[in-house]
């Protein structure tokens, strides 16, 4: 079982859409998938669930979302509660997000430094996401865990990324994504080093299931680039050309005098096209773009677009699986 986070501190790059579609793609290939919505905006949960069901989970107050599992820690009355997993079909399990998750930020910040003093309670707070994730994954016999986080470098994301074995970086071909990449790379390195330093102080008698904090970069995905005659339009091309070099310098810390073109870069997992009208259609049908049917409005030119979307996401899913070490049939 592999845990993979999808992260960029620049918002609007299609991160949540990517996680949603990969979850459906892996499940369609027979894998059991756990999806963790650790973004306080809970957009991923809203993509999977009808508003009425999401309202029920938020209003339950006992065992509906990730916040309910954290509630004993937030109230300082105990450890994590068993997580609720909302099944989406037979093969996707969702640990729903909640806007109230932002209340956990302060507690995470406070206990990060306390781990250096070997405080057991602090380690229980910092490892909460990891332990919730593992319990939920065991309950559905998950083959892979996909983690969605918000676009920031705060304490919630630090704890979520520590729980991830690997990280995929969604990008848009623009200045802001490149700048986000420059911030993100050193931050991941700092978090990795900081967590390993704290792990050395964890009391052995505590018996806490703690993550190793690997956060191994798997590569990047360029989302929604414009295409004209099978080539990126000029406005995007100037930024695409810079991504391989910035990724090596900022994320891998292995700058090269001349980085390869993005089409030849082994770290580029995919360049996903903008599927134009498919996404609104998919949102109305509450299904992934590559599963749209004529009854959903996918007729005419849309039929070929749906087929191309399926092929693109399948290729990406297989590439991520190959690098993570799990099989896709």
C-alpha atoms as a PDB file:
ATOM      1  CA  UNK A   1       0.000   0.000   0.000  1.00  0.00           C
ATOM      2  CA  UNK A   2       1.403   3.351  -1.082  1.00  0.00           C
ATOM      3  CA  UNK A   3       0.421   6.810   0.142  1.00  0.00           C
ATOM      4  CA  UNK A   4       0.724   9.620  -2.403  1.00  0.00           C
ATOM      5  CA  UNK A   5       0.038  13.305  -1.753  1.00  0.00           C
ATOM      6  CA  UNK A   6      -0.772  15.802  -4.489  1.00  0.00           C
ATOM      7  CA  UNK A   7       0.600  19.171  -3.507  1.00  0.00           C
ATOM      8  CA  UNK A   8       1.372  22.639  -4.754  1.00  0.00           C
ATOM      9  CA  UNK A   9       1.278  25.740  -2.595  1.00  0.00           C
ATOM     10  CA  UNK A  10      -0.082  27.626  -5.622  1.00  0.00           C
ATOM     11  CA  UNK A  11      -3.840  27.188  -5.907  1.00  0.00           C
ATOM     12  CA  UNK A  12      -5.920  26.666  -9.014  1.00  0.00           C
ATOM     13  CA  UNK A  13      -3.626  24.154 -10.726  1.00  0.00           C
ATOM     14  CA  UNK A  14      -6.192  21.353 -10.912  1.00  0.00           C
ATOM     15  CA  UNK A  15      -4.857  19.349  -7.980  1.00  0.00           C
ATOM     16  CA  UNK A  16      -8.242  18.239  -6.644  1.00  0.00           C
ATOM     17  CA  UNK A  17      -9.502  17.362 -10.128  1.00  0.00           C
ATOM     18  CA  UNK A  18      -6.387  15.241 -10.610  1.00  0.00           C
ATOM     19  CA  UNK A  19      -6.924  13.287  -7.370  1.00  0.00           C
ATOM     20  CA  UNK A  20     -10.608  12.753  -8.168  1.00  0.00           C
ATOM     21  CA  UNK A  21      -9.940  11.340 -11.627  1.00  0.00           C
ATOM     22  CA  UNK A  22      -7.020   9.174 -10.564  1.00  0.00           C
ATOM     23  CA  UNK A  23      -9.151   7.652  -7.798  1.00  0.00           C
ATOM     24  CA  UNK A  24     -11.787   6.673 -10.360  1.00  0.00           C
ATOM     25  CA  UNK A  25      -9.179   5.419 -12.819  1.00  0.00           C
ATOM     26  CA  UNK A  26      -7.448   3.195 -10.266  1.00  0.00           C
ATOM     27  CA  UNK A  27     -10.774   1.839  -9.034  1.00  0.00           C
ATOM     28  CA  UNK A  28     -11.789   1.061 -12.618  1.00  0.00           C
ATOM     29  CA  UNK A  29      -8.647  -1.068 -12.885  1.00  0.00           C
ATOM     30  CA  UNK A  30      -9.642  -3.135  -9.855  1.00  0.00           C
ATOM     31  CA  UNK A  31      -7.647  -1.356  -7.141  1.00  0.00           C
ATOM     32  CA  UNK A  32      -9.095  -0.418  -3.777  1.00  0.00           C
ATOM     33  CA  UNK A  33      -8.462   3.306  -3.267  1.00  0.00           C
ATOM     34  CA  UNK A  34      -8.585   5.393  -0.102  1.00  0.00           C
ATOM     35  CA  UNK A  35      -8.961   9.127  -0.677  1.00  0.00           C
ATOM     36  CA  UNK A  36      -8.038  11.499   2.151  1.00  0.00           C
ATOM     37  CA  UNK A  37      -9.499  14.998   1.911  1.00  0.00           C
ATOM     38  CA  UNK A  38      -7.140  17.054   4.079  1.00  0.00           C
ATOM     39  CA  UNK A  39      -7.912  20.376   2.439  1.00  0.00           C
ATOM     40  CA  UNK A  40     -10.019  22.521   4.830  1.00  0.00           C
ATOM     41  CA  UNK A  41     -11.959  23.752   1.777  1.00  0.00           C
ATOM     42  CA  UNK A  42     -13.223  20.156   1.292  1.00  0.00           C
ATOM     43  CA  UNK A  43     -13.607  20.593  -2.478  1.00  0.00           C
ATOM     44  CA  UNK A  44     -12.716  16.958  -3.138  1.00  0.00           C
ATOM     45  CA  UNK A  45     -15.474  15.756  -0.824  1.00  0.00           C
ATOM     46  CA  UNK A  46     -17.899  18.034  -2.669  1.00  0.00           C
ATOM     47  CA  UNK A  47     -16.889  16.425  -5.973  1.00  0.00           C
ATOM     48  CA  UNK A  48     -17.601  12.933  -4.661  1.00  0.00           C
ATOM     49  CA  UNK A  49     -20.733  13.607  -2.618  1.00  0.00           C
ATOM     50  CA  UNK A  50     -24.112  15.222  -3.120  1.00  0.00           C
ATOM     51  CA  UNK A  51     -24.630  18.398  -1.071  1.00  0.00           C
ATOM     52  CA  UNK A  52     -27.273  16.728   1.072  1.00  0.00           C
ATOM     53  CA  UNK A  53     -24.981  13.846   2.024  1.00  0.00           C
ATOM     54  CA  UNK A  54     -22.092  16.213   2.751  1.00  0.00           C
ATOM     55  CA  UNK A  55     -24.368  18.309   4.972  1.00  0.00           C
ATOM     56  CA  UNK A  56     -25.381  15.176   6.881  1.00  0.00           C
ATOM     57  CA  UNK A  57     -21.744  14.246   7.480  1.00  0.00           C
ATOM     58  CA  UNK A  58     -20.844  17.739   8.635  1.00  0.00           C
ATOM     59  CA  UNK A  59     -23.829  17.977  10.928  1.00  0.00           C
ATOM     60  CA  UNK A  60     -23.478  14.472  12.384  1.00  0.00           C
ATOM     61  CA  UNK A  61     -20.865  15.630  14.889  1.00  0.00           C
ATOM     62  CA  UNK A  62     -19.927  12.106  15.918  1.00  0.00           C
ATOM     63  CA  UNK A  63     -18.252  10.135  13.156  1.00  0.00           C
ATOM     64  CA  UNK A  64     -18.653  11.735   9.762  1.00  0.00           C
ATOM     65  CA  UNK A  65     -15.465  13.493   8.704  1.00  0.00           C
ATOM     66  CA  UNK A  66     -11.766  13.673   9.453  1.00  0.00           C
ATOM     67  CA  UNK A  67     -12.523  16.406  12.003  1.00  0.00           C
ATOM     68  CA  UNK A  68     -14.642  13.989  14.027  1.00  0.00           C
ATOM     69  CA  UNK A  69     -11.698  11.609  14.240  1.00  0.00           C
ATOM     70  CA  UNK A  70      -9.543  14.509  15.471  1.00  0.00           C
ATOM     71  CA  UNK A  71     -12.097  15.856  17.945  1.00  0.00           C
ATOM     72  CA  UNK A  72     -10.685  14.117  21.074  1.00  0.00           C
ATOM     73  CA  UNK A  73      -7.254  15.558  20.284  1.00  0.00           C
ATOM     74  CA  UNK A  74      -8.646  19.028  19.610  1.00  0.00           C
ATOM     75  CA  UNK A  75     -10.616  18.914  22.879  1.00  0.00           C
ATOM     76  CA  UNK A  76      -7.587  17.417  24.672  1.00  0.00           C
ATOM     77  CA  UNK A  77      -9.742  14.591  26.027  1.00  0.00           C
ATOM     78  CA  UNK A  78      -8.079  11.634  24.280  1.00  0.00           C
ATOM     79  CA  UNK A  79      -6.522  10.235  21.132  1.00  0.00           C
ATOM     80  CA  UNK A  80      -7.970   9.928  17.626  1.00  0.00           C
ATOM     81  CA  UNK A  81     -11.385   8.324  17.173  1.00  0.00           C
ATOM     82  CA  UNK A  82     -11.914   5.576  14.569  1.00  0.00           C
ATOM     83  CA  UNK A  83     -12.376   7.221  11.154  1.00  0.00           C
ATOM     84  CA  UNK A  84     -15.518   7.046   9.078  1.00  0.00           C
ATOM     85  CA  UNK A  85     -14.949   5.920   5.487  1.00  0.00           C
ATOM     86  CA  UNK A  86     -17.633   6.931   3.004  1.00  0.00           C
ATOM     87  CA  UNK A  87     -17.761   4.351   0.235  1.00  0.00           C
ATOM     88  CA  UNK A  88     -18.061   5.712  -3.298  1.00  0.00           C
ATOM     89  CA  UNK A  89     -19.086   2.645  -5.229  1.00  0.00           C
ATOM     90  CA  UNK A  90     -17.280  -0.565  -4.310  1.00  0.00           C
ATOM     91  CA  UNK A  91     -13.651   0.435  -4.687  1.00  0.00           C
ATOM     92  CA  UNK A  92     -13.257   4.052  -3.481  1.00  0.00           C
ATOM     93  CA  UNK A  93     -13.293   4.940   0.182  1.00  0.00           C
ATOM     94  CA  UNK A  94     -13.367   8.635   1.126  1.00  0.00           C
ATOM     95  CA  UNK A  95     -12.393  10.131   4.456  1.00  0.00           C
ATOM     96  CA  UNK A  96     -14.436  13.310   4.016  1.00  0.00           C
ATOM     97  CA  UNK A  97     -13.003  16.746   4.624  1.00  0.00           C
ATOM     98  CA  UNK A  98     -14.530  19.489   6.724  1.00  0.00           C
ATOM     99  CA  UNK A  99     -14.170  23.268   6.811  1.00  0.00           C
ATOM    100  CA  UNK A 100     -13.646  22.957  10.566  1.00  0.00           C
ATOM    101  CA  UNK A 101     -10.312  21.225   9.913  1.00  0.00           C
ATOM    102  CA  UNK A 102      -8.661  24.661   9.973  1.00  0.00           C
ATOM    103  CA  UNK A 103      -9.168  24.643  13.762  1.00  0.00           C
ATOM    104  CA  UNK A 104      -6.544  21.890  13.994  1.00  0.00           C
ATOM    105  CA  UNK A 105      -3.844  24.162  12.552  1.00  0.00           C
ATOM    106  CA  UNK A 106      -2.977  25.865  15.839  1.00  0.00           C
ATOM    107  CA  UNK A 107      -2.657  22.590  17.749  1.00  0.00           C
ATOM    108  CA  UNK A 108      -0.327  21.186  15.084  1.00  0.00           C
ATOM    109  CA  UNK A 109       1.854  24.295  15.183  1.00  0.00           C
ATOM    110  CA  UNK A 110       2.021  24.216  18.960  1.00  0.00           C
ATOM    111  CA  UNK A 111       3.050  20.558  19.142  1.00  0.00           C
ATOM    112  CA  UNK A 112       5.632  20.568  16.333  1.00  0.00           C
ATOM    113  CA  UNK A 113       8.246  22.118  18.611  1.00  0.00           C
ATOM    114  CA  UNK A 114       7.144  20.035  21.603  1.00  0.00           C
ATOM    115  CA  UNK A 115       8.164  16.879  19.733  1.00  0.00           C
ATOM    116  CA  UNK A 116      11.783  17.991  20.164  1.00  0.00           C
ATOM    117  CA  UNK A 117      11.276  17.600  23.923  1.00  0.00           C
ATOM    118  CA  UNK A 118      10.063  14.035  23.452  1.00  0.00           C
ATOM    119  CA  UNK A 119       6.499  14.750  24.609  1.00  0.00           C
ATOM    120  CA  UNK A 120       4.323  11.747  23.815  1.00  0.00           C
ATOM    121  CA  UNK A 121       1.161  13.832  23.526  1.00  0.00           C
ATOM    122  CA  UNK A 122       2.842  16.040  20.923  1.00  0.00           C
ATOM    123  CA  UNK A 123       3.705  13.035  18.773  1.00  0.00           C
ATOM    124  CA  UNK A 124       0.105  11.839  18.946  1.00  0.00           C
ATOM    125  CA  UNK A 125      -1.031  15.188  17.527  1.00  0.00           C
ATOM    126  CA  UNK A 126       1.559  15.383  14.748  1.00  0.00           C
ATOM    127  CA  UNK A 127       0.985  11.764  13.646  1.00  0.00           C
ATOM    128  CA  UNK A 128      -2.823  11.995  13.770  1.00  0.00           C
ATOM    129  CA  UNK A 129      -3.338  12.207  10.002  1.00  0.00           C
ATOM    130  CA  UNK A 130      -1.011   9.266   9.422  1.00  0.00           C
ATOM    131  CA  UNK A 131      -2.779   7.083  11.958  1.00  0.00           C
ATOM    132  CA  UNK A 132      -6.281   8.005  10.748  1.00  0.00           C
ATOM    133  CA  UNK A 133      -5.162   7.228   7.209  1.00  0.00           C
ATOM    134  CA  UNK A 134      -3.718   3.845   8.147  1.00  0.00           C
ATOM    135  CA  UNK A 135      -6.785   2.803  10.114  1.00  0.00           C
ATOM    136  CA  UNK A 136      -9.088   3.824   7.273  1.00  0.00           C
ATOM    137  CA  UNK A 137      -6.934   2.077   4.659  1.00  0.00           C
ATOM    138  CA  UNK A 138      -6.842  -1.140   6.672  1.00  0.00           C
ATOM    139  CA  UNK A 139     -10.627  -1.103   6.956  1.00  0.00           C
ATOM    140  CA  UNK A 140     -11.129  -1.210   3.174  1.00  0.00           C
ATOM    141  CA  UNK A 141      -7.936  -3.128   2.317  1.00  0.00           C
ATOM    142  CA  UNK A 142      -6.711  -0.204   0.240  1.00  0.00           C
ATOM    143  CA  UNK A 143      -4.046  -0.754  -2.398  1.00  0.00           C
ATOM    144  CA  UNK A 144      -3.239   2.945  -2.685  1.00  0.00           C
ATOM    145  CA  UNK A 145      -3.958   6.112  -0.687  1.00  0.00           C
ATOM    146  CA  UNK A 146      -4.404   9.438  -2.485  1.00  0.00           C
ATOM    147  CA  UNK A 147      -4.098  12.569  -0.321  1.00  0.00           C
ATOM    148  CA  UNK A 148      -5.487  15.966  -1.282  1.00  0.00           C
ATOM    149  CA  UNK A 149      -4.241  19.028   0.602  1.00  0.00           C
ATOM    150  CA  UNK A 150      -4.757  22.770   0.410  1.00  0.00           C
ATOM    151  CA  UNK A 151      -2.532  25.274  -1.429  1.00  0.00           C
ATOM    152  CA  UNK A 152      -0.363  26.531   1.427  1.00  0.00           C
ATOM    153  CA  UNK A 153       2.724  25.743   3.485  1.00  0.00           C
ATOM    154  CA  UNK A 154       0.990  25.633   6.868  1.00  0.00           C
ATOM    155  CA  UNK A 155       1.009  23.135   9.725  1.00  0.00           C
ATOM    156  CA  UNK A 156      -1.909  21.074   8.387  1.00  0.00           C
ATOM    157  CA  UNK A 157      -0.080  20.427   5.127  1.00  0.00           C
ATOM    158  CA  UNK A 158       3.164  19.705   6.939  1.00  0.00           C
ATOM    159  CA  UNK A 159       1.476  16.976   8.968  1.00  0.00           C
ATOM    160  CA  UNK A 160      -0.328  15.647   5.884  1.00  0.00           C
ATOM    161  CA  UNK A 161       2.842  15.547   3.789  1.00  0.00           C
ATOM    162  CA  UNK A 162       4.783  13.824   6.570  1.00  0.00           C
ATOM    163  CA  UNK A 163       2.169  11.060   6.313  1.00  0.00           C
ATOM    164  CA  UNK A 164       2.845  10.647   2.586  1.00  0.00           C
ATOM    165  CA  UNK A 165       5.464   8.301   1.236  1.00  0.00           C
ATOM    166  CA  UNK A 166       5.477  10.081  -2.118  1.00  0.00           C
ATOM    167  CA  UNK A 167       4.468  13.424  -3.581  1.00  0.00           C
ATOM    168  CA  UNK A 168       3.174  14.389  -7.033  1.00  0.00           C
ATOM    169  CA  UNK A 169       3.359  18.070  -7.934  1.00  0.00           C
ATOM    170  CA  UNK A 170       0.568  19.395 -10.196  1.00  0.00           C
ATOM    171  CA  UNK A 171       1.605  22.548 -12.063  1.00  0.00           C
ATOM    172  CA  UNK A 172       0.123  25.098 -14.398  1.00  0.00           C
ATOM    173  CA  UNK A 173       2.362  26.517 -17.129  1.00  0.00           C
ATOM    174  CA  UNK A 174       2.635  30.004 -15.633  1.00  0.00           C
ATOM    175  CA  UNK A 175       4.879  32.230 -13.559  1.00  0.00           C
ATOM    176  CA  UNK A 176       2.961  31.601 -10.342  1.00  0.00           C
ATOM    177  CA  UNK A 177       3.351  27.814 -10.504  1.00  0.00           C
ATOM    178  CA  UNK A 178       7.066  28.181 -11.109  1.00  0.00           C
ATOM    179  CA  UNK A 179       7.401  30.473  -8.117  1.00  0.00           C
ATOM    180  CA  UNK A 180       5.344  28.018  -6.061  1.00  0.00           C
ATOM    181  CA  UNK A 181       7.724  25.270  -7.131  1.00  0.00           C
ATOM    182  CA  UNK A 182      10.693  27.329  -5.936  1.00  0.00           C
ATOM    183  CA  UNK A 183       9.047  27.710  -2.516  1.00  0.00           C
ATOM    184  CA  UNK A 184       7.816  24.139  -2.300  1.00  0.00           C
ATOM    185  CA  UNK A 185      11.078  22.303  -2.933  1.00  0.00           C
ATOM    186  CA  UNK A 186      13.078  23.754  -0.028  1.00  0.00           C
ATOM    187  CA  UNK A 187      10.020  23.460   2.224  1.00  0.00           C
ATOM    188  CA  UNK A 188       9.680  19.718   1.582  1.00  0.00           C
ATOM    189  CA  UNK A 189      13.368  19.317   2.375  1.00  0.00           C
ATOM    190  CA  UNK A 190      12.995  21.282   5.620  1.00  0.00           C
ATOM    191  CA  UNK A 191       9.937  19.263   6.663  1.00  0.00           C
ATOM    192  CA  UNK A 192      11.695  15.981   5.935  1.00  0.00           C
ATOM    193  CA  UNK A 193      14.774  16.942   7.940  1.00  0.00           C
ATOM    194  CA  UNK A 194      12.698  18.412  10.747  1.00  0.00           C
ATOM    195  CA  UNK A 195      10.574  15.295  11.118  1.00  0.00           C
ATOM    196  CA  UNK A 196      13.554  12.944  11.162  1.00  0.00           C
ATOM    197  CA  UNK A 197      15.105  15.063  13.891  1.00  0.00           C
ATOM    198  CA  UNK A 198      11.907  14.780  15.909  1.00  0.00           C
ATOM    199  CA  UNK A 199      11.538  11.047  15.313  1.00  0.00           C
ATOM    200  CA  UNK A 200      14.839  10.552  17.093  1.00  0.00           C
ATOM    201  CA  UNK A 201      13.233  12.074  20.204  1.00  0.00           C
ATOM    202  CA  UNK A 202      10.036  10.003  20.164  1.00  0.00           C
ATOM    203  CA  UNK A 203       9.740   7.906  23.348  1.00  0.00           C
ATOM    204  CA  UNK A 204      10.019   4.240  22.377  1.00  0.00           C
ATOM    205  CA  UNK A 205       7.565   3.111  25.057  1.00  0.00           C
ATOM    206  CA  UNK A 206       4.791   5.231  23.544  1.00  0.00           C
ATOM    207  CA  UNK A 207       4.083   2.662  20.837  1.00  0.00           C
ATOM    208  CA  UNK A 208       2.929   5.327  18.395  1.00  0.00           C
ATOM    209  CA  UNK A 209       2.534   4.363  14.734  1.00  0.00           C
ATOM    210  CA  UNK A 210       4.629   7.171  13.248  1.00  0.00           C
ATOM    211  CA  UNK A 211       5.336   7.861   9.570  1.00  0.00           C
ATOM    212  CA  UNK A 212       8.881   7.948   8.247  1.00  0.00           C
ATOM    213  CA  UNK A 213       8.264  11.243   6.490  1.00  0.00           C
ATOM    214  CA  UNK A 214       9.778  10.179   3.177  1.00  0.00           C
ATOM    215  CA  UNK A 215       7.847  12.613   0.947  1.00  0.00           C
ATOM    216  CA  UNK A 216       9.708  11.267  -2.086  1.00  0.00           C
ATOM    217  CA  UNK A 217       8.991  13.395  -5.185  1.00  0.00           C
ATOM    218  CA  UNK A 218       7.510  11.208  -7.925  1.00  0.00           C
ATOM    219  CA  UNK A 219       7.413  13.923 -10.571  1.00  0.00           C
ATOM    220  CA  UNK A 220       5.171  16.692 -11.814  1.00  0.00           C
ATOM    221  CA  UNK A 221       1.995  16.922 -13.887  1.00  0.00           C
ATOM    222  CA  UNK A 222       1.312  19.949 -16.077  1.00  0.00           C
ATOM    223  CA  UNK A 223      -2.408  20.677 -15.966  1.00  0.00           C
ATOM    224  CA  UNK A 224      -4.610  22.470 -18.484  1.00  0.00           C
ATOM    225  CA  UNK A 225      -2.028  23.671 -20.982  1.00  0.00           C
ATOM    226  CA  UNK A 226      -3.340  25.064 -24.243  1.00  0.00           C
ATOM    227  CA  UNK A 227      -2.725  23.083 -27.411  1.00  0.00           C
ATOM    228  CA  UNK A 228      -2.671  24.180 -31.029  1.00  0.00           C
ATOM    229  CA  UNK A 229      -1.776  21.687 -33.748  1.00  0.00           C
ATOM    230  CA  UNK A 230      -0.436  19.266 -31.112  1.00  0.00           C
ATOM    231  CA  UNK A 231       1.948  21.888 -29.668  1.00  0.00           C
ATOM    232  CA  UNK A 232       1.520  24.167 -26.633  1.00  0.00           C
ATOM    233  CA  UNK A 233       0.495  27.704 -27.569  1.00  0.00           C
ATOM    234  CA  UNK A 234       3.243  30.310 -27.335  1.00  0.00           C
ATOM    235  CA  UNK A 235       1.901  31.925 -24.152  1.00  0.00           C
ATOM    236  CA  UNK A 236       2.276  28.630 -22.286  1.00  0.00           C
ATOM    237  CA  UNK A 237       5.390  27.407 -24.041  1.00  0.00           C
ATOM    238  CA  UNK A 238       7.714  29.965 -22.472  1.00  0.00           C
ATOM    239  CA  UNK A 239       6.809  28.697 -18.989  1.00  0.00           C
ATOM    240  CA  UNK A 240       6.800  25.013 -19.965  1.00  0.00           C
ATOM    241  CA  UNK A 241      10.387  25.359 -21.129  1.00  0.00           C
ATOM    242  CA  UNK A 242      11.474  26.468 -17.661  1.00  0.00           C
ATOM    243  CA  UNK A 243       9.744  23.770 -15.609  1.00  0.00           C
ATOM    244  CA  UNK A 244      12.360  20.965 -15.965  1.00  0.00           C
ATOM    245  CA  UNK A 245      15.191  23.191 -14.774  1.00  0.00           C
ATOM    246  CA  UNK A 246      13.269  24.686 -11.869  1.00  0.00           C
ATOM    247  CA  UNK A 247      12.054  21.236 -10.770  1.00  0.00           C
ATOM    248  CA  UNK A 248      15.615  19.907 -10.661  1.00  0.00           C
ATOM    249  CA  UNK A 249      16.962  22.912  -8.830  1.00  0.00           C
ATOM    250  CA  UNK A 250      14.179  23.508  -6.310  1.00  0.00           C
ATOM    251  CA  UNK A 251      12.711  20.039  -5.679  1.00  0.00           C
ATOM    252  CA  UNK A 252      15.502  17.568  -6.414  1.00  0.00           C
ATOM    253  CA  UNK A 253      18.350  19.909  -5.399  1.00  0.00           C
ATOM    254  CA  UNK A 254      20.293  18.656  -8.426  1.00  0.00           C
ATOM    255  CA  UNK A 255      20.588  21.617 -10.802  1.00  0.00           C
ATOM    256  CA  UNK A 256      21.762  20.874 -14.313  1.00  0.00           C
ATOM    257  CA  UNK A 257      23.535  23.218 -16.706  1.00  0.00           C
ATOM    258  CA  UNK A 258      21.022  22.292 -19.403  1.00  0.00           C
ATOM    259  CA  UNK A 259      17.821  20.559 -18.394  1.00  0.00           C
ATOM    260  CA  UNK A 260      15.979  18.514 -21.062  1.00  0.00           C
ATOM    261  CA  UNK A 261      12.943  19.761 -22.940  1.00  0.00           C
ATOM    262  CA  UNK A 262       9.738  19.035 -21.068  1.00  0.00           C
ATOM    263  CA  UNK A 263       8.650  16.447 -23.669  1.00  0.00           C
ATOM    264  CA  UNK A 264      11.822  14.469 -22.876  1.00  0.00           C
ATOM    265  CA  UNK A 265      11.916  15.060 -19.136  1.00  0.00           C
ATOM    266  CA  UNK A 266      11.540  11.759 -17.209  1.00  0.00           C
ATOM    267  CA  UNK A 267      10.220  13.732 -14.231  1.00  0.00           C
ATOM    268  CA  UNK A 268       7.248  14.969 -16.258  1.00  0.00           C
ATOM    269  CA  UNK A 269       4.518  12.437 -15.536  1.00  0.00           C
ATOM    270  CA  UNK A 270       2.037  13.970 -17.959  1.00  0.00           C
ATOM    271  CA  UNK A 271       0.922  17.133 -19.741  1.00  0.00           C
ATOM    272  CA  UNK A 272      -2.844  16.999 -19.466  1.00  0.00           C
ATOM    273  CA  UNK A 273      -4.811  19.037 -21.955  1.00  0.00           C
ATOM    274  CA  UNK A 274      -7.672  21.349 -21.131  1.00  0.00           C
ATOM    275  CA  UNK A 275     -10.735  19.205 -21.819  1.00  0.00           C
ATOM    276  CA  UNK A 276     -12.880  22.303 -22.300  1.00  0.00           C
ATOM    277  CA  UNK A 277     -16.577  21.505 -21.840  1.00  0.00           C
ATOM    278  CA  UNK A 278     -16.087  18.010 -20.403  1.00  0.00           C
ATOM    279  CA  UNK A 279     -15.506  19.127 -16.809  1.00  0.00           C
ATOM    280  CA  UNK A 280     -18.816  21.020 -16.356  1.00  0.00           C
ATOM    281  CA  UNK A 281     -20.578  18.050 -17.955  1.00  0.00           C
ATOM    282  CA  UNK A 282     -18.811  15.661 -15.569  1.00  0.00           C
ATOM    283  CA  UNK A 283     -19.739  17.778 -12.551  1.00  0.00           C
ATOM    284  CA  UNK A 284     -23.387  17.707 -13.564  1.00  0.00           C
ATOM    285  CA  UNK A 285     -23.245  13.925 -14.052  1.00  0.00           C
ATOM    286  CA  UNK A 286     -21.175  13.448 -10.871  1.00  0.00           C
ATOM    287  CA  UNK A 287     -18.713  11.186 -12.620  1.00  0.00           C
ATOM    288  CA  UNK A 288     -15.174  11.498 -14.063  1.00  0.00           C
ATOM    289  CA  UNK A 289     -14.772  13.089 -17.486  1.00  0.00           C
ATOM    290  CA  UNK A 290     -13.545   9.857 -19.049  1.00  0.00           C
ATOM    291  CA  UNK A 291     -16.760   8.038 -18.022  1.00  0.00           C
ATOM    292  CA  UNK A 292     -19.167  10.433 -19.726  1.00  0.00           C
ATOM    293  CA  UNK A 293     -21.771   8.854 -22.020  1.00  0.00           C
ATOM    294  CA  UNK A 294     -24.104  10.241 -24.709  1.00  0.00           C
ATOM    295  CA  UNK A 295     -26.854  10.283 -22.082  1.00  0.00           C
ATOM    296  CA  UNK A 296     -24.694  12.761 -20.128  1.00  0.00           C
ATOM    297  CA  UNK A 297     -24.389  15.019 -23.153  1.00  0.00           C
ATOM    298  CA  UNK A 298     -21.114  13.639 -24.523  1.00  0.00           C
ATOM    299  CA  UNK A 299     -22.026  13.556 -28.203  1.00  0.00           C
ATOM    300  CA  UNK A 300     -20.346  14.625 -31.405  1.00  0.00           C
ATOM    301  CA  UNK A 301     -16.808  15.908 -30.880  1.00  0.00           C
ATOM    302  CA  UNK A 302     -17.135  15.201 -27.168  1.00  0.00           C
ATOM    303  CA  UNK A 303     -16.971  11.453 -27.819  1.00  0.00           C
ATOM    304  CA  UNK A 304     -13.395  11.678 -29.054  1.00  0.00           C
ATOM    305  CA  UNK A 305     -12.492  14.068 -26.223  1.00  0.00           C
ATOM    306  CA  UNK A 306     -13.801  11.543 -23.657  1.00  0.00           C
ATOM    307  CA  UNK A 307     -11.741   8.795 -25.271  1.00  0.00           C
ATOM    308  CA  UNK A 308      -8.598  10.946 -25.286  1.00  0.00           C
ATOM    309  CA  UNK A 309      -9.195  11.920 -21.660  1.00  0.00           C
ATOM    310  CA  UNK A 310      -9.446   8.245 -20.687  1.00  0.00           C
ATOM    311  CA  UNK A 311      -6.204   7.393 -22.468  1.00  0.00           C
ATOM    312  CA  UNK A 312      -4.383  10.343 -20.874  1.00  0.00           C
ATOM    313  CA  UNK A 313      -5.466   9.507 -17.340  1.00  0.00           C
ATOM    314  CA  UNK A 314      -4.783   5.794 -17.789  1.00  0.00           C
ATOM    315  CA  UNK A 315      -1.243   6.554 -18.973  1.00  0.00           C
ATOM    316  CA  UNK A 316      -0.711   8.877 -16.012  1.00  0.00           C
ATOM    317  CA  UNK A 317      -2.129   6.343 -13.538  1.00  0.00           C
ATOM    318  CA  UNK A 318       0.166   3.644 -14.908  1.00  0.00           C
ATOM    319  CA  UNK A 319       3.205   5.924 -14.762  1.00  0.00           C
ATOM    320  CA  UNK A 320       2.538   6.892 -11.143  1.00  0.00           C
ATOM    321  CA  UNK A 321       1.942   3.234 -10.223  1.00  0.00           C
ATOM    322  CA  UNK A 322       5.168   2.124 -11.884  1.00  0.00           C
ATOM    323  CA  UNK A 323       7.184   4.702  -9.974  1.00  0.00           C
ATOM    324  CA  UNK A 324       5.393   3.951  -6.710  1.00  0.00           C
ATOM    325  CA  UNK A 325       5.804   0.197  -7.017  1.00  0.00           C
ATOM    326  CA  UNK A 326       2.230  -1.052  -7.268  1.00  0.00           C
ATOM    327  CA  UNK A 327       0.574  -2.736 -10.223  1.00  0.00           C
ATOM    328  CA  UNK A 328      -2.282  -1.528 -12.424  1.00  0.00           C
ATOM    329  CA  UNK A 329      -3.967  -4.217 -14.529  1.00  0.00           C
END
